[in-house]
Amino acid sequence: MFREITRIKQKITDEECREILRRETRGVLALNGDDGYPIALPMNHYYDEGSDTIYFHAGKVGYKLDCIRRSDKACFTVTEAGARLADEWWLTVRSVVVQGKVEIISDDETIRSVAEKLSRKFTNDNDYIAQEIEKYVPATLLLALHAEHICGKRVKEK
């Protein structure tokens, strides 16, 4: 059902893909928008490797939710900043593409748990995290992208 990468020599391993999803803080979530026009939204995320699920926080109303309710299929792309390897002027960049279906979660306990894990990607300030969770959980939904296909590649930008 899902296409494999065309340039097989650029393909990275499953472990590299998962490491990028764990480490990087942002990516772009693509959804089916109004009238068939795609919409791509920059999003913070938390990747749960045990379930191959990527979590995002969202408000309880809005365009993003309208899109997901219309079609739960989504694509999420994460790209590293890139690195210059020894004696190279160009960047080598790895990226990961995840395709799957989005579930909307409204359970406050799950939202709190994932919100804390997501927050820890940015800070270890326990007081700040607790205050933010208490303040925003009542107005928050959780989006869970259940991965059906994950692939990644390494590109030399030269």
Protein backbone atom coordinates (compact mmCIF):
# COMPACT_ATOMS: atom_id res chain seq x y z
CA MET A 1 0.00 0.00 0.00
CA PHE A 2 2.83 2.43 0.84
CA ARG A 3 5.55 3.17 -1.67
CA GLU A 4 9.13 2.38 -0.85
CA ILE A 5 11.89 4.93 -1.26
CA THR A 6 13.10 5.19 -4.86
CA ARG A 7 16.76 5.93 -4.20
CA ILE A 8 17.47 2.89 -2.08
CA LYS A 9 21.11 3.91 -1.45
CA GLN A 10 19.85 6.96 0.47
CA LYS A 11 17.57 4.92 2.73
CA ILE A 12 18.39 5.01 6.44
CA THR A 13 17.74 2.21 8.91
CA ASP A 14 14.60 1.81 10.99
CA GLU A 15 16.67 2.55 14.12
CA GLU A 16 17.97 5.80 12.59
CA CYS A 17 14.38 6.80 11.78
CA ARG A 18 13.24 6.12 15.32
CA GLU A 19 16.23 7.94 16.81
CA ILE A 20 15.37 11.04 14.75
CA LEU A 21 11.71 10.87 15.82
CA ARG A 22 12.75 10.56 19.48
CA ARG A 23 15.31 13.37 19.41
CA GLU A 24 13.94 16.07 17.13
CA THR A 25 11.32 18.38 18.58
CA ARG A 26 9.42 19.53 15.50
CA GLY A 27 8.07 18.31 12.22
CA VAL A 28 5.31 19.02 9.73
CA LEU A 29 1.92 17.30 9.95
CA ALA A 30 0.14 17.09 6.59
CA LEU A 31 -3.62 16.62 6.44
CA ASN A 32 -6.33 16.62 3.80
CA GLY A 33 -7.70 20.15 3.96
CA ASP A 34 -10.76 21.85 2.54
CA ASP A 35 -11.75 21.09 -1.05
CA GLY A 36 -8.90 18.58 -1.41
CA TYR A 37 -6.17 21.12 -0.76
CA PRO A 38 -3.51 19.72 1.56
CA ILE A 39 -2.53 21.61 4.68
CA ALA A 40 0.87 21.16 6.33
CA LEU A 41 1.30 22.35 9.91
CA PRO A 42 4.54 22.68 11.89
CA MET A 43 4.05 20.74 15.11
CA ASN A 44 5.90 19.77 18.28
CA HIS A 45 5.66 16.04 18.88
CA TYR A 46 6.37 13.21 21.28
CA TYR A 47 7.25 9.81 19.78
CA ASP A 48 6.36 6.69 21.73
CA GLU A 49 8.55 3.99 20.25
CA GLY A 50 6.79 1.15 22.07
CA SER A 51 3.55 1.77 20.20
CA ASP A 52 4.97 3.49 17.10
CA THR A 53 2.72 6.45 17.88
CA ILE A 54 3.46 10.14 17.48
CA TYR A 55 1.53 12.48 19.77
CA PHE A 56 0.63 16.14 19.22
CA HIS A 57 -1.39 18.53 21.36
CA ALA A 58 -4.29 20.50 19.90
CA GLY A 59 -7.12 22.75 20.94
CA LYS A 60 -10.64 21.38 21.16
CA VAL A 61 -11.84 23.26 18.07
CA GLY A 62 -10.27 24.40 14.82
CA TYR A 63 -9.34 23.66 11.25
CA LYS A 64 -6.89 20.87 12.15
CA LEU A 65 -9.61 18.90 13.95
CA ASP A 66 -12.09 19.51 11.13
CA CYS A 67 -9.57 18.02 8.70
CA ILE A 68 -8.91 14.97 10.89
CA ARG A 69 -12.60 14.31 11.44
CA ARG A 70 -13.12 14.38 7.68
CA SER A 71 -10.13 12.10 6.97
CA ASP A 72 -7.96 10.47 9.62
CA LYS A 73 -5.09 9.77 7.19
CA ALA A 74 -2.00 11.89 7.77
CA CYS A 75 1.68 12.26 7.01
CA PHE A 76 4.30 13.61 9.41
CA THR A 77 7.79 14.63 8.27
CA VAL A 78 10.77 15.35 10.51
CA THR A 79 14.04 16.75 9.17
CA GLU A 80 17.33 17.20 11.02
CA ALA A 81 19.19 20.48 10.80
CA GLY A 82 21.97 18.66 8.98
CA ALA A 83 25.69 18.30 9.51
CA ARG A 84 28.86 19.04 7.61
CA LEU A 85 31.04 15.97 7.57
CA ALA A 86 34.84 16.22 7.55
CA ASP A 87 36.21 18.02 4.48
CA GLU A 88 32.73 18.65 3.01
CA TRP A 89 31.15 22.06 2.32
CA TRP A 90 27.65 20.61 1.85
CA LEU A 91 25.17 19.54 4.48
CA THR A 92 24.18 15.93 4.94
CA VAL A 93 20.57 15.80 6.13
CA ARG A 94 18.41 12.93 7.31
CA SER A 95 14.62 13.04 7.21
CA VAL A 96 11.82 10.71 8.24
CA VAL A 97 8.32 10.37 6.79
CA VAL A 98 5.58 8.70 8.84
CA GLN A 99 2.21 7.78 7.35
CA GLY A 100 -0.75 6.58 9.36
CA LYS A 101 -4.09 7.41 10.87
CA VAL A 102 -4.83 10.00 13.54
CA GLU A 103 -6.89 9.26 16.63
CA ILE A 104 -8.34 12.11 18.69
CA ILE A 105 -7.87 11.51 22.44
CA SER A 106 -9.84 13.47 25.02
CA ASP A 107 -8.92 11.51 28.18
CA ASP A 108 -7.38 14.01 30.63
CA GLU A 109 -5.10 11.42 32.26
CA THR A 110 -3.57 10.44 28.92
CA ILE A 111 -3.27 14.10 27.90
CA ARG A 112 -1.43 14.90 31.16
CA SER A 113 0.95 11.96 30.77
CA VAL A 114 1.89 12.73 27.17
CA ALA A 115 2.03 16.51 27.81
CA GLU A 116 4.63 15.91 30.51
CA LYS A 117 6.72 13.68 28.23
CA LEU A 118 6.50 16.24 25.42
CA SER A 119 7.44 19.07 27.79
CA ARG A 120 10.55 17.19 28.92
CA LYS A 121 11.89 17.42 25.35
CA PHE A 122 12.17 21.17 25.99
CA THR A 123 12.79 21.62 29.75
CA ASN A 124 13.28 19.76 33.03
CA ASP A 125 11.70 22.58 35.05
CA ASN A 126 9.17 20.54 37.06
CA ASP A 127 7.30 23.57 38.42
CA TYR A 128 6.91 25.10 34.97
CA ILE A 129 5.71 21.79 33.47
CA ALA A 130 3.17 21.24 36.27
CA GLN A 131 1.80 24.79 35.95
CA GLU A 132 1.46 24.56 32.17
CA ILE A 133 -0.28 21.19 32.35
CA GLU A 134 -2.74 22.41 35.00
CA LYS A 135 -3.43 25.56 33.02
CA TYR A 136 -3.91 24.02 29.56
CA VAL A 137 -5.15 20.42 29.93
CA PRO A 138 -8.82 21.44 30.25
CA ALA A 139 -8.66 23.09 26.79
CA THR A 140 -6.44 20.44 25.15
CA LEU A 141 -6.99 17.37 23.04
CA LEU A 142 -4.30 14.90 22.11
CA LEU A 143 -3.74 13.69 18.57
CA ALA A 144 -2.17 10.24 18.19
CA LEU A 145 -0.71 9.39 14.78
CA HIS A 146 -0.51 5.60 14.70
CA ALA A 147 2.32 4.82 12.29
CA GLU A 148 1.52 2.43 9.48
CA HIS A 149 4.66 3.20 7.47
CA ILE A 150 7.94 4.82 8.49
CA CYS A 151 10.83 5.48 6.13
CA GLY A 152 13.76 7.81 6.04
CA LYS A 153 16.63 8.93 3.88
CA ARG A 154 19.98 10.67 3.96
CA VAL A 155 20.59 13.41 1.40
CA LYS A 156 23.80 15.26 0.58
CA GLU A 157 22.81 18.79 -0.40
CA LYS A 158 25.38 19.33 -3.12
